[in-house]
Amino acid sequence: MLTKSTEQLVTGMKIDDYGRLFEQELALNDMTYGLGVFFAKDAYEPGVTYRSQYALGMADKSGKRLNMMVRNIII
């Protein structure tokens, strides 16, 4: 479902927009602890080997979500 939503928005989305989208999606579903997009070489930006954006939900031992973090990777 997230893939289809992203396909609809892709023309106007920047890499940081993916992070915000993933944070919103994580907040809607307690069963999901991480979402990300990982682009192959030159797929997102020419000359950039790898580009990704992901959000990770952190939980305590009981499974209660504590916080979320977004990471951006450029290689």
Protein backbone atom coordinates (compact mmCIF):
# COMPACT_ATOMS: atom_id res chain seq x y z
CA MET A 1 0.00 0.00 0.00
CA LEU A 2 2.79 2.45 0.87
CA THR A 3 4.49 1.68 -2.45
CA LYS A 4 1.37 2.59 -4.41
CA SER A 5 0.94 5.80 -2.42
CA THR A 6 4.55 6.75 -3.06
CA GLU A 7 4.21 6.06 -6.79
CA GLN A 8 1.35 8.55 -6.91
CA LEU A 9 3.43 11.24 -5.14
CA VAL A 10 6.86 10.51 -6.58
CA THR A 11 6.99 13.40 -9.03
CA GLY A 12 6.86 15.98 -6.25
CA MET A 13 8.68 14.15 -3.46
CA LYS A 14 12.13 15.06 -2.21
CA ILE A 15 14.22 12.67 -0.10
CA ASP A 16 13.18 14.40 3.17
CA ASP A 17 9.51 14.04 2.18
CA TYR A 18 9.94 10.27 2.30
CA GLY A 19 11.09 10.52 5.93
CA ARG A 20 8.05 12.57 6.88
CA LEU A 21 5.76 10.13 5.07
CA PHE A 22 7.34 7.18 6.88
CA GLU A 23 6.98 8.89 10.27
CA GLN A 24 3.29 9.43 9.60
CA GLU A 25 2.80 5.83 8.50
CA LEU A 26 4.61 4.49 11.58
CA ALA A 27 2.41 6.58 13.84
CA LEU A 28 -0.67 4.95 12.29
CA ASN A 29 0.39 1.34 12.87
CA ASP A 30 1.82 -0.01 16.14
CA MET A 31 2.70 -3.30 14.43
CA THR A 32 5.18 -1.65 12.04
CA TYR A 33 8.59 -0.69 13.41
CA GLY A 34 10.39 0.48 10.29
CA LEU A 35 9.84 1.79 6.78
CA GLY A 36 12.31 2.88 4.14
CA VAL A 37 13.10 3.52 0.52
CA PHE A 38 16.43 2.45 -0.92
CA PHE A 39 17.41 3.66 -4.39
CA ALA A 40 19.90 1.82 -6.61
CA LYS A 41 22.97 3.53 -8.09
CA ASP A 42 22.03 6.65 -10.07
CA ALA A 43 18.29 5.89 -9.64
CA TYR A 44 17.54 8.88 -7.41
CA GLU A 45 20.31 11.25 -8.41
CA PRO A 46 23.05 10.80 -11.05
CA GLY A 47 26.47 10.25 -9.49
CA VAL A 48 25.08 9.08 -6.14
CA THR A 49 25.83 5.39 -5.59
CA TYR A 50 23.20 4.73 -2.90
CA ARG A 51 20.49 6.92 -1.47
CA SER A 52 18.00 5.94 1.18
CA GLN A 53 15.66 7.38 3.73
CA TYR A 54 14.14 5.30 6.49
CA ALA A 55 12.23 5.71 9.72
CA LEU A 56 12.59 3.38 12.67
CA GLY A 57 10.24 3.13 15.65
CA MET A 58 11.98 2.30 18.93
CA ALA A 59 10.13 0.26 21.58
CA ASP A 60 10.73 -0.91 25.12
CA LYS A 61 10.71 -4.60 26.13
CA SER A 62 6.93 -4.61 26.45
CA GLY A 63 6.55 -3.42 22.85
CA LYS A 64 5.37 0.08 23.76
CA ARG A 65 6.65 2.55 21.19
CA LEU A 66 8.98 5.11 22.75
CA ASN A 67 10.01 7.30 19.84
CA MET A 68 10.86 7.39 16.14
CA MET A 69 13.99 8.38 14.31
CA VAL A 70 14.59 9.15 10.65
CA ARG A 71 17.89 8.44 8.96
CA ASN A 72 19.19 9.63 5.62
CA ILE A 73 22.02 7.75 3.89
CA ILE A 74 24.06 9.04 0.94
CA ILE A 75 27.03 7.10 -0.42
